[in-house]
């Protein structure tokens, strides 16, 4: 009799235990599924569309990205451009407003083995300091590129900027290329190189150089012996400047208020230095 009572108690205890476990399990919230981005999902300023890996590679090739570069991707999405830059050895940063995308990017970087080289910042691209960048990549609408343009033009001459598909308004690109492999839409990349600032008057011995600058294009005139000769084919590529005037060919490097280079006249090349007039 006692053994039967004990057996009934054991069965009752087991049943109560199973009920408690089931009730506890039912009371727990369901596990949140892992975030998966969707093409066209709404963002702060744009909808998300991933850049094809073929164009990512082309953009970084155009920028001539090296392990010495500091790369910023403004609106970094799922992190693929930043991760690719990090795989190439660069110190790479992504700025992304969507916190779920930021976490996804961090997971993707860790899986790719570049978690120590790829940093993802949850923030607004218009409120983030990216002034230390030497390479910037973008996939933003033209009006957003134009809004960023003053900040970009204030950066160090030679900074390379590459945009997927969209331009910078009236700032014409230095290069345009398209990707064909692994890319079926949004396959054009534009490269700009931040130009040095040369607008104004420069002195070189008795010569006076009056430069009028429109982004990387340079116009103006050279004053010599009371005569003015126009500046032709003037162009900046970062800190490098080149132009012709009166048949003479000038090439130099801008460093603040000083230009050092050469002038070729009559088949002879000589040193040339110009200093910005105070």
C-alpha atoms as a PDB file:
ATOM      1  CA  UNK A   1       0.000   0.000   0.000  1.00  0.00           C
ATOM      2  CA  UNK A   2       2.732   2.439   0.950  1.00  0.00           C
ATOM      3  CA  UNK A   3       4.590   1.736  -2.284  1.00  0.00           C
ATOM      4  CA  UNK A   4       1.420   2.488  -4.282  1.00  0.00           C
ATOM      5  CA  UNK A   5       0.960   5.817  -2.480  1.00  0.00           C
ATOM      6  CA  UNK A   6       4.595   6.746  -3.124  1.00  0.00           C
ATOM      7  CA  UNK A   7       4.212   5.846  -6.790  1.00  0.00           C
ATOM      8  CA  UNK A   8       1.111   8.024  -7.108  1.00  0.00           C
ATOM      9  CA  UNK A   9       2.925  10.924  -5.421  1.00  0.00           C
ATOM     10  CA  UNK A  10       5.866  10.530  -7.800  1.00  0.00           C
ATOM     11  CA  UNK A  11       3.582  10.571 -10.843  1.00  0.00           C
ATOM     12  CA  UNK A  12       1.793  13.667  -9.505  1.00  0.00           C
ATOM     13  CA  UNK A  13       5.086  15.471  -8.838  1.00  0.00           C
ATOM     14  CA  UNK A  14       6.339  14.649 -12.320  1.00  0.00           C
ATOM     15  CA  UNK A  15       3.132  15.934 -13.873  1.00  0.00           C
ATOM     16  CA  UNK A  16       3.289  19.157 -11.891  1.00  0.00           C
ATOM     17  CA  UNK A  17       6.954  19.592 -12.886  1.00  0.00           C
ATOM     18  CA  UNK A  18       6.154  19.118 -16.576  1.00  0.00           C
ATOM     19  CA  UNK A  19       3.278  21.582 -16.311  1.00  0.00           C
ATOM     20  CA  UNK A  20       5.516  24.184 -14.673  1.00  0.00           C
ATOM     21  CA  UNK A  21       8.208  23.804 -17.338  1.00  0.00           C
ATOM     22  CA  UNK A  22       5.619  24.094 -20.117  1.00  0.00           C
ATOM     23  CA  UNK A  23       4.016  27.161 -18.541  1.00  0.00           C
ATOM     24  CA  UNK A  24       7.412  28.809 -18.063  1.00  0.00           C
ATOM     25  CA  UNK A  25       8.382  28.135 -21.656  1.00  0.00           C
ATOM     26  CA  UNK A  26       5.090  29.548 -22.925  1.00  0.00           C
ATOM     27  CA  UNK A  27       5.604  32.681 -20.821  1.00  0.00           C
ATOM     28  CA  UNK A  28       8.987  33.454 -22.411  1.00  0.00           C
ATOM     29  CA  UNK A  29       9.025  35.805 -25.418  1.00  0.00           C
ATOM     30  CA  UNK A  30       9.918  34.205 -28.747  1.00  0.00           C
ATOM     31  CA  UNK A  31      13.533  34.645 -29.784  1.00  0.00           C
ATOM     32  CA  UNK A  32      13.981  37.663 -32.072  1.00  0.00           C
ATOM     33  CA  UNK A  33      14.905  36.531 -35.593  1.00  0.00           C
ATOM     34  CA  UNK A  34      18.254  37.727 -36.952  1.00  0.00           C
ATOM     35  CA  UNK A  35      17.950  40.989 -38.877  1.00  0.00           C
ATOM     36  CA  UNK A  36      17.978  40.598 -42.650  1.00  0.00           C
ATOM     37  CA  UNK A  37      18.063  43.757 -44.788  1.00  0.00           C
ATOM     38  CA  UNK A  38      15.659  44.128 -47.690  1.00  0.00           C
ATOM     39  CA  UNK A  39      16.462  45.918 -50.922  1.00  0.00           C
ATOM     40  CA  UNK A  40      14.507  49.167 -50.965  1.00  0.00           C
ATOM     41  CA  UNK A  41      14.048  49.380 -47.202  1.00  0.00           C
ATOM     42  CA  UNK A  42      13.594  52.937 -45.946  1.00  0.00           C
ATOM     43  CA  UNK A  43      16.541  54.795 -44.466  1.00  0.00           C
ATOM     44  CA  UNK A  44      17.026  58.297 -43.081  1.00  0.00           C
ATOM     45  CA  UNK A  45      17.851  59.942 -46.411  1.00  0.00           C
ATOM     46  CA  UNK A  46      17.726  57.140 -48.978  1.00  0.00           C
ATOM     47  CA  UNK A  47      16.413  53.630 -49.436  1.00  0.00           C
ATOM     48  CA  UNK A  48      18.954  50.825 -49.182  1.00  0.00           C
ATOM     49  CA  UNK A  49      20.252  49.219 -52.353  1.00  0.00           C
ATOM     50  CA  UNK A  50      23.439  47.129 -52.060  1.00  0.00           C
ATOM     51  CA  UNK A  51      26.419  47.991 -54.235  1.00  0.00           C
ATOM     52  CA  UNK A  52      27.396  45.047 -56.437  1.00  0.00           C
ATOM     53  CA  UNK A  53      30.715  43.551 -55.364  1.00  0.00           C
ATOM     54  CA  UNK A  54      32.083  44.097 -58.869  1.00  0.00           C
ATOM     55  CA  UNK A  55      31.530  47.846 -58.523  1.00  0.00           C
ATOM     56  CA  UNK A  56      32.878  47.877 -54.968  1.00  0.00           C
ATOM     57  CA  UNK A  57      36.132  46.466 -56.329  1.00  0.00           C
ATOM     58  CA  UNK A  58      36.167  48.935 -59.219  1.00  0.00           C
ATOM     59  CA  UNK A  59      35.563  51.909 -56.909  1.00  0.00           C
ATOM     60  CA  UNK A  60      38.443  50.980 -54.613  1.00  0.00           C
ATOM     61  CA  UNK A  61      40.663  50.357 -57.630  1.00  0.00           C
ATOM     62  CA  UNK A  62      39.846  53.825 -58.961  1.00  0.00           C
ATOM     63  CA  UNK A  63      40.732  55.313 -55.580  1.00  0.00           C
ATOM     64  CA  UNK A  64      44.031  53.403 -55.664  1.00  0.00           C
ATOM     65  CA  UNK A  65      43.343  52.308 -52.087  1.00  0.00           C
ATOM     66  CA  UNK A  66      46.435  51.166 -50.154  1.00  0.00           C
ATOM     67  CA  UNK A  67      47.068  49.822 -46.637  1.00  0.00           C
ATOM     68  CA  UNK A  68      48.227  53.353 -45.719  1.00  0.00           C
ATOM     69  CA  UNK A  69      44.797  54.832 -46.438  1.00  0.00           C
ATOM     70  CA  UNK A  70      42.037  55.782 -44.043  1.00  0.00           C
ATOM     71  CA  UNK A  71      38.757  54.945 -45.733  1.00  0.00           C
ATOM     72  CA  UNK A  72      35.270  56.181 -44.863  1.00  0.00           C
ATOM     73  CA  UNK A  73      32.094  54.826 -46.449  1.00  0.00           C
ATOM     74  CA  UNK A  74      29.271  57.305 -45.866  1.00  0.00           C
ATOM     75  CA  UNK A  75      26.046  55.340 -45.622  1.00  0.00           C
ATOM     76  CA  UNK A  76      27.745  51.966 -45.251  1.00  0.00           C
ATOM     77  CA  UNK A  77      24.671  49.705 -45.391  1.00  0.00           C
ATOM     78  CA  UNK A  78      25.596  46.056 -44.860  1.00  0.00           C
ATOM     79  CA  UNK A  79      29.290  46.955 -44.643  1.00  0.00           C
ATOM     80  CA  UNK A  80      30.538  45.297 -47.825  1.00  0.00           C
ATOM     81  CA  UNK A  81      32.570  48.286 -49.086  1.00  0.00           C
ATOM     82  CA  UNK A  82      34.194  48.811 -45.685  1.00  0.00           C
ATOM     83  CA  UNK A  83      34.953  45.107 -45.352  1.00  0.00           C
ATOM     84  CA  UNK A  84      36.504  45.002 -48.827  1.00  0.00           C
ATOM     85  CA  UNK A  85      38.668  48.030 -48.000  1.00  0.00           C
ATOM     86  CA  UNK A  86      39.752  46.403 -44.746  1.00  0.00           C
ATOM     87  CA  UNK A  87      40.657  43.199 -46.606  1.00  0.00           C
ATOM     88  CA  UNK A  88      42.953  45.331 -48.748  1.00  0.00           C
ATOM     89  CA  UNK A  89      44.701  46.485 -45.597  1.00  0.00           C
ATOM     90  CA  UNK A  90      43.191  49.950 -45.204  1.00  0.00           C
ATOM     91  CA  UNK A  91      41.874  51.279 -41.909  1.00  0.00           C
ATOM     92  CA  UNK A  92      38.201  51.438 -42.827  1.00  0.00           C
ATOM     93  CA  UNK A  93      35.186  53.108 -41.239  1.00  0.00           C
ATOM     94  CA  UNK A  94      31.512  52.891 -42.114  1.00  0.00           C
ATOM     95  CA  UNK A  95      28.943  55.478 -41.026  1.00  0.00           C
ATOM     96  CA  UNK A  96      25.374  54.146 -40.971  1.00  0.00           C
ATOM     97  CA  UNK A  97      22.191  55.546 -39.430  1.00  0.00           C
ATOM     98  CA  UNK A  98      20.298  52.244 -39.098  1.00  0.00           C
ATOM     99  CA  UNK A  99      21.445  50.460 -35.892  1.00  0.00           C
ATOM    100  CA  UNK A 100      20.386  47.055 -37.224  1.00  0.00           C
ATOM    101  CA  UNK A 101      22.583  47.547 -40.289  1.00  0.00           C
ATOM    102  CA  UNK A 102      25.469  48.586 -38.048  1.00  0.00           C
ATOM    103  CA  UNK A 103      25.202  45.380 -36.024  1.00  0.00           C
ATOM    104  CA  UNK A 104      24.868  43.319 -39.199  1.00  0.00           C
ATOM    105  CA  UNK A 105      27.995  44.982 -40.600  1.00  0.00           C
ATOM    106  CA  UNK A 106      29.950  44.212 -37.439  1.00  0.00           C
ATOM    107  CA  UNK A 107      28.933  40.564 -37.652  1.00  0.00           C
ATOM    108  CA  UNK A 108      29.866  40.453 -41.331  1.00  0.00           C
ATOM    109  CA  UNK A 109      33.260  42.004 -40.609  1.00  0.00           C
ATOM    110  CA  UNK A 110      33.943  39.480 -37.856  1.00  0.00           C
ATOM    111  CA  UNK A 111      33.009  36.600 -40.184  1.00  0.00           C
ATOM    112  CA  UNK A 112      35.362  38.037 -42.818  1.00  0.00           C
ATOM    113  CA  UNK A 113      38.201  38.198 -40.291  1.00  0.00           C
ATOM    114  CA  UNK A 114      38.597  41.995 -40.440  1.00  0.00           C
ATOM    115  CA  UNK A 115      36.819  43.022 -37.274  1.00  0.00           C
ATOM    116  CA  UNK A 116      40.002  44.753 -36.106  1.00  0.00           C
ATOM    117  CA  UNK A 117      40.353  46.805 -39.318  1.00  0.00           C
ATOM    118  CA  UNK A 118      36.695  47.644 -40.011  1.00  0.00           C
ATOM    119  CA  UNK A 119      34.872  50.005 -37.644  1.00  0.00           C
ATOM    120  CA  UNK A 120      31.180  50.793 -37.963  1.00  0.00           C
ATOM    121  CA  UNK A 121      29.766  53.995 -36.518  1.00  0.00           C
ATOM    122  CA  UNK A 122      26.085  54.394 -35.739  1.00  0.00           C
ATOM    123  CA  UNK A 123      25.501  57.983 -36.715  1.00  0.00           C
ATOM    124  CA  UNK A 124      24.398  60.638 -39.181  1.00  0.00           C
ATOM    125  CA  UNK A 125      26.806  61.240 -42.072  1.00  0.00           C
ATOM    126  CA  UNK A 126      26.105  64.971 -41.857  1.00  0.00           C
ATOM    127  CA  UNK A 127      27.097  65.075 -38.191  1.00  0.00           C
ATOM    128  CA  UNK A 128      30.107  62.730 -38.334  1.00  0.00           C
ATOM    129  CA  UNK A 129      33.690  63.979 -38.587  1.00  0.00           C
ATOM    130  CA  UNK A 130      35.362  62.187 -41.485  1.00  0.00           C
ATOM    131  CA  UNK A 131      38.049  64.836 -42.052  1.00  0.00           C
ATOM    132  CA  UNK A 132      40.909  62.356 -41.489  1.00  0.00           C
ATOM    133  CA  UNK A 133      39.804  60.215 -44.448  1.00  0.00           C
ATOM    134  CA  UNK A 134      42.091  59.860 -47.452  1.00  0.00           C
ATOM    135  CA  UNK A 135      39.476  57.866 -49.382  1.00  0.00           C
ATOM    136  CA  UNK A 136      35.692  58.361 -49.258  1.00  0.00           C
ATOM    137  CA  UNK A 137      33.077  56.168 -50.905  1.00  0.00           C
ATOM    138  CA  UNK A 138      29.422  57.074 -51.416  1.00  0.00           C
ATOM    139  CA  UNK A 139      26.175  55.672 -52.744  1.00  0.00           C
ATOM    140  CA  UNK A 140      23.893  58.640 -52.111  1.00  0.00           C
ATOM    141  CA  UNK A 141      21.513  60.708 -54.196  1.00  0.00           C
ATOM    142  CA  UNK A 142      23.017  63.703 -56.058  1.00  0.00           C
ATOM    143  CA  UNK A 143      21.432  66.270 -53.726  1.00  0.00           C
ATOM    144  CA  UNK A 144      23.059  64.559 -50.742  1.00  0.00           C
ATOM    145  CA  UNK A 145      26.432  64.487 -52.519  1.00  0.00           C
ATOM    146  CA  UNK A 146      26.075  68.216 -53.177  1.00  0.00           C
ATOM    147  CA  UNK A 147      25.180  68.811 -49.526  1.00  0.00           C
ATOM    148  CA  UNK A 148      28.391  67.018 -48.501  1.00  0.00           C
ATOM    149  CA  UNK A 149      30.469  68.776 -51.163  1.00  0.00           C
ATOM    150  CA  UNK A 150      31.626  71.828 -49.111  1.00  0.00           C
ATOM    151  CA  UNK A 151      32.918  69.552 -46.365  1.00  0.00           C
ATOM    152  CA  UNK A 152      34.675  67.340 -48.926  1.00  0.00           C
ATOM    153  CA  UNK A 153      36.279  70.278 -50.754  1.00  0.00           C
ATOM    154  CA  UNK A 154      37.684  71.513 -47.430  1.00  0.00           C
ATOM    155  CA  UNK A 155      39.619  68.262 -46.976  1.00  0.00           C
ATOM    156  CA  UNK A 156      43.292  67.711 -47.691  1.00  0.00           C
ATOM    157  CA  UNK A 157      44.174  68.032 -51.386  1.00  0.00           C
ATOM    158  CA  UNK A 158      44.554  64.600 -52.925  1.00  0.00           C
ATOM    159  CA  UNK A 159      41.710  63.001 -50.968  1.00  0.00           C
ATOM    160  CA  UNK A 160      39.952  60.588 -53.325  1.00  0.00           C
ATOM    161  CA  UNK A 161      36.177  60.427 -53.472  1.00  0.00           C
ATOM    162  CA  UNK A 162      34.316  57.710 -55.375  1.00  0.00           C
ATOM    163  CA  UNK A 163      30.548  57.623 -55.859  1.00  0.00           C
ATOM    164  CA  UNK A 164      28.334  54.806 -57.059  1.00  0.00           C
ATOM    165  CA  UNK A 165      26.148  56.123 -59.923  1.00  0.00           C
ATOM    166  CA  UNK A 166      25.486  59.647 -58.664  1.00  0.00           C
ATOM    167  CA  UNK A 167      27.376  62.871 -59.395  1.00  0.00           C
ATOM    168  CA  UNK A 168      28.410  65.980 -57.450  1.00  0.00           C
ATOM    169  CA  UNK A 169      26.364  68.569 -59.318  1.00  0.00           C
ATOM    170  CA  UNK A 170      28.552  70.939 -61.348  1.00  0.00           C
ATOM    171  CA  UNK A 171      31.766  69.482 -59.899  1.00  0.00           C
ATOM    172  CA  UNK A 172      32.733  67.285 -62.824  1.00  0.00           C
ATOM    173  CA  UNK A 173      34.420  63.988 -62.033  1.00  0.00           C
ATOM    174  CA  UNK A 174      38.096  63.354 -62.787  1.00  0.00           C
ATOM    175  CA  UNK A 175      37.352  59.814 -63.968  1.00  0.00           C
ATOM    176  CA  UNK A 176      34.330  57.683 -64.823  1.00  0.00           C
ATOM    177  CA  UNK A 177      34.365  53.900 -65.084  1.00  0.00           C
ATOM    178  CA  UNK A 178      31.834  51.090 -65.268  1.00  0.00           C
ATOM    179  CA  UNK A 179      31.863  47.569 -63.866  1.00  0.00           C
ATOM    180  CA  UNK A 180      30.646  44.709 -66.028  1.00  0.00           C
ATOM    181  CA  UNK A 181      31.449  41.655 -63.924  1.00  0.00           C
ATOM    182  CA  UNK A 182      29.077  40.860 -61.063  1.00  0.00           C
ATOM    183  CA  UNK A 183      27.017  44.008 -61.697  1.00  0.00           C
ATOM    184  CA  UNK A 184      23.630  44.335 -63.359  1.00  0.00           C
ATOM    185  CA  UNK A 185      22.404  47.705 -62.056  1.00  0.00           C
ATOM    186  CA  UNK A 186      24.028  50.840 -60.655  1.00  0.00           C
ATOM    187  CA  UNK A 187      27.317  49.923 -62.317  1.00  0.00           C
ATOM    188  CA  UNK A 188      28.988  53.318 -62.932  1.00  0.00           C
ATOM    189  CA  UNK A 189      31.547  54.896 -60.613  1.00  0.00           C
ATOM    190  CA  UNK A 190      32.735  58.504 -60.506  1.00  0.00           C
ATOM    191  CA  UNK A 191      36.066  59.631 -59.050  1.00  0.00           C
ATOM    192  CA  UNK A 192      36.939  63.089 -57.770  1.00  0.00           C
ATOM    193  CA  UNK A 193      40.282  64.144 -56.341  1.00  0.00           C
ATOM    194  CA  UNK A 194      40.030  67.040 -53.894  1.00  0.00           C
ATOM    195  CA  UNK A 195      41.969  69.924 -55.491  1.00  0.00           C
ATOM    196  CA  UNK A 196      44.314  72.340 -53.797  1.00  0.00           C
ATOM    197  CA  UNK A 197      43.168  75.958 -53.530  1.00  0.00           C
ATOM    198  CA  UNK A 198      44.984  78.290 -55.940  1.00  0.00           C
ATOM    199  CA  UNK A 199      42.385  80.970 -56.639  1.00  0.00           C
ATOM    200  CA  UNK A 200      44.070  84.390 -56.374  1.00  0.00           C
ATOM    201  CA  UNK A 201      47.321  86.125 -57.219  1.00  0.00           C
ATOM    202  CA  UNK A 202      50.734  84.462 -57.123  1.00  0.00           C
ATOM    203  CA  UNK A 203      54.187  85.981 -57.641  1.00  0.00           C
ATOM    204  CA  UNK A 204      57.166  84.371 -59.362  1.00  0.00           C
ATOM    205  CA  UNK A 205      60.044  86.818 -59.705  1.00  0.00           C
ATOM    206  CA  UNK A 206      58.702  89.657 -61.859  1.00  0.00           C
ATOM    207  CA  UNK A 207      55.825  87.545 -63.158  1.00  0.00           C
ATOM    208  CA  UNK A 208      52.346  87.656 -61.705  1.00  0.00           C
ATOM    209  CA  UNK A 209      49.945  84.725 -62.009  1.00  0.00           C
ATOM    210  CA  UNK A 210      46.242  85.427 -61.631  1.00  0.00           C
ATOM    211  CA  UNK A 211      44.361  82.152 -61.153  1.00  0.00           C
ATOM    212  CA  UNK A 212      40.591  81.732 -61.232  1.00  0.00           C
ATOM    213  CA  UNK A 213      39.642  78.275 -60.016  1.00  0.00           C
ATOM    214  CA  UNK A 214      36.505  76.256 -60.647  1.00  0.00           C
ATOM    215  CA  UNK A 215      37.004  73.042 -58.701  1.00  0.00           C
ATOM    216  CA  UNK A 216      39.938  71.285 -60.455  1.00  0.00           C
ATOM    217  CA  UNK A 217      39.855  73.561 -63.506  1.00  0.00           C
ATOM    218  CA  UNK A 218      42.120  76.637 -63.558  1.00  0.00           C
ATOM    219  CA  UNK A 219      41.842  79.752 -65.726  1.00  0.00           C
ATOM    220  CA  UNK A 220      43.432  83.168 -65.551  1.00  0.00           C
ATOM    221  CA  UNK A 221      46.398  85.058 -66.952  1.00  0.00           C
ATOM    222  CA  UNK A 222      50.125  85.608 -66.500  1.00  0.00           C
ATOM    223  CA  UNK A 223      51.404  89.169 -66.315  1.00  0.00           C
ATOM    224  CA  UNK A 224      54.894  89.698 -67.687  1.00  0.00           C
ATOM    225  CA  UNK A 225      56.510  92.995 -68.765  1.00  0.00           C
ATOM    226  CA  UNK A 226      53.186  94.784 -68.816  1.00  0.00           C
ATOM    227  CA  UNK A 227      51.556  92.123 -70.996  1.00  0.00           C
ATOM    228  CA  UNK A 228      48.973  89.512 -70.083  1.00  0.00           C
ATOM    229  CA  UNK A 229      48.910  86.036 -71.593  1.00  0.00           C
ATOM    230  CA  UNK A 230      46.008  83.685 -70.837  1.00  0.00           C
ATOM    231  CA  UNK A 231      46.332  80.549 -68.761  1.00  0.00           C
ATOM    232  CA  UNK A 232      45.291  77.593 -70.908  1.00  0.00           C
ATOM    233  CA  UNK A 233      44.594  73.939 -70.136  1.00  0.00           C
ATOM    234  CA  UNK A 234      44.905  74.665 -66.428  1.00  0.00           C
ATOM    235  CA  UNK A 235      44.125  71.711 -64.219  1.00  0.00           C
ATOM    236  CA  UNK A 236      44.615  70.476 -60.674  1.00  0.00           C
ATOM    237  CA  UNK A 237      44.857  66.839 -59.692  1.00  0.00           C
ATOM    238  CA  UNK A 238      44.989  67.046 -55.960  1.00  0.00           C
ATOM    239  CA  UNK A 239      48.014  69.202 -55.173  1.00  0.00           C
ATOM    240  CA  UNK A 240      49.497  68.841 -58.669  1.00  0.00           C
ATOM    241  CA  UNK A 241      48.944  71.787 -61.022  1.00  0.00           C
ATOM    242  CA  UNK A 242      49.668  72.087 -64.722  1.00  0.00           C
ATOM    243  CA  UNK A 243      48.907  74.746 -67.358  1.00  0.00           C
ATOM    244  CA  UNK A 244      50.330  76.555 -70.368  1.00  0.00           C
ATOM    245  CA  UNK A 245      50.715  80.262 -71.026  1.00  0.00           C
ATOM    246  CA  UNK A 246      52.329  81.960 -74.007  1.00  0.00           C
ATOM    247  CA  UNK A 247      53.685  78.651 -75.232  1.00  0.00           C
ATOM    248  CA  UNK A 248      55.395  77.899 -71.899  1.00  0.00           C
ATOM    249  CA  UNK A 249      54.398  74.754 -70.006  1.00  0.00           C
ATOM    250  CA  UNK A 250      54.176  74.855 -66.212  1.00  0.00           C
ATOM    251  CA  UNK A 251      53.928  71.954 -63.790  1.00  0.00           C
ATOM    252  CA  UNK A 252      54.203  72.073 -60.039  1.00  0.00           C
ATOM    253  CA  UNK A 253      52.972  71.012 -56.644  1.00  0.00           C
ATOM    254  CA  UNK A 254      50.921  73.268 -54.403  1.00  0.00           C
ATOM    255  CA  UNK A 255      51.867  73.330 -50.740  1.00  0.00           C
ATOM    256  CA  UNK A 256      49.829  75.920 -48.898  1.00  0.00           C
ATOM    257  CA  UNK A 257      50.907  79.327 -50.194  1.00  0.00           C
ATOM    258  CA  UNK A 258      53.758  78.020 -52.313  1.00  0.00           C
ATOM    259  CA  UNK A 259      54.052  76.229 -55.649  1.00  0.00           C
ATOM    260  CA  UNK A 260      57.249  74.475 -56.639  1.00  0.00           C
ATOM    261  CA  UNK A 261      57.827  72.869 -60.000  1.00  0.00           C
ATOM    262  CA  UNK A 262      59.218  73.480 -63.451  1.00  0.00           C
ATOM    263  CA  UNK A 263      58.562  75.628 -66.500  1.00  0.00           C
ATOM    264  CA  UNK A 264      59.458  74.462 -69.991  1.00  0.00           C
ATOM    265  CA  UNK A 265      60.106  77.239 -72.510  1.00  0.00           C
ATOM    266  CA  UNK A 266      61.880  77.069 -75.840  1.00  0.00           C
ATOM    267  CA  UNK A 267      62.665  73.409 -75.322  1.00  0.00           C
ATOM    268  CA  UNK A 268      64.441  74.055 -72.012  1.00  0.00           C
ATOM    269  CA  UNK A 269      63.143  73.158 -68.564  1.00  0.00           C
ATOM    270  CA  UNK A 270      63.985  75.223 -65.491  1.00  0.00           C
ATOM    271  CA  UNK A 271      62.849  75.326 -61.866  1.00  0.00           C
ATOM    272  CA  UNK A 272      59.769  77.420 -61.177  1.00  0.00           C
ATOM    273  CA  UNK A 273      58.488  78.710 -57.857  1.00  0.00           C
ATOM    274  CA  UNK A 274      55.478  80.882 -57.132  1.00  0.00           C
ATOM    275  CA  UNK A 275      54.296  82.357 -53.832  1.00  0.00           C
ATOM    276  CA  UNK A 276      50.788  83.507 -53.033  1.00  0.00           C
ATOM    277  CA  UNK A 277      50.609  87.285 -52.775  1.00  0.00           C
ATOM    278  CA  UNK A 278      49.660  88.509 -49.309  1.00  0.00           C
END
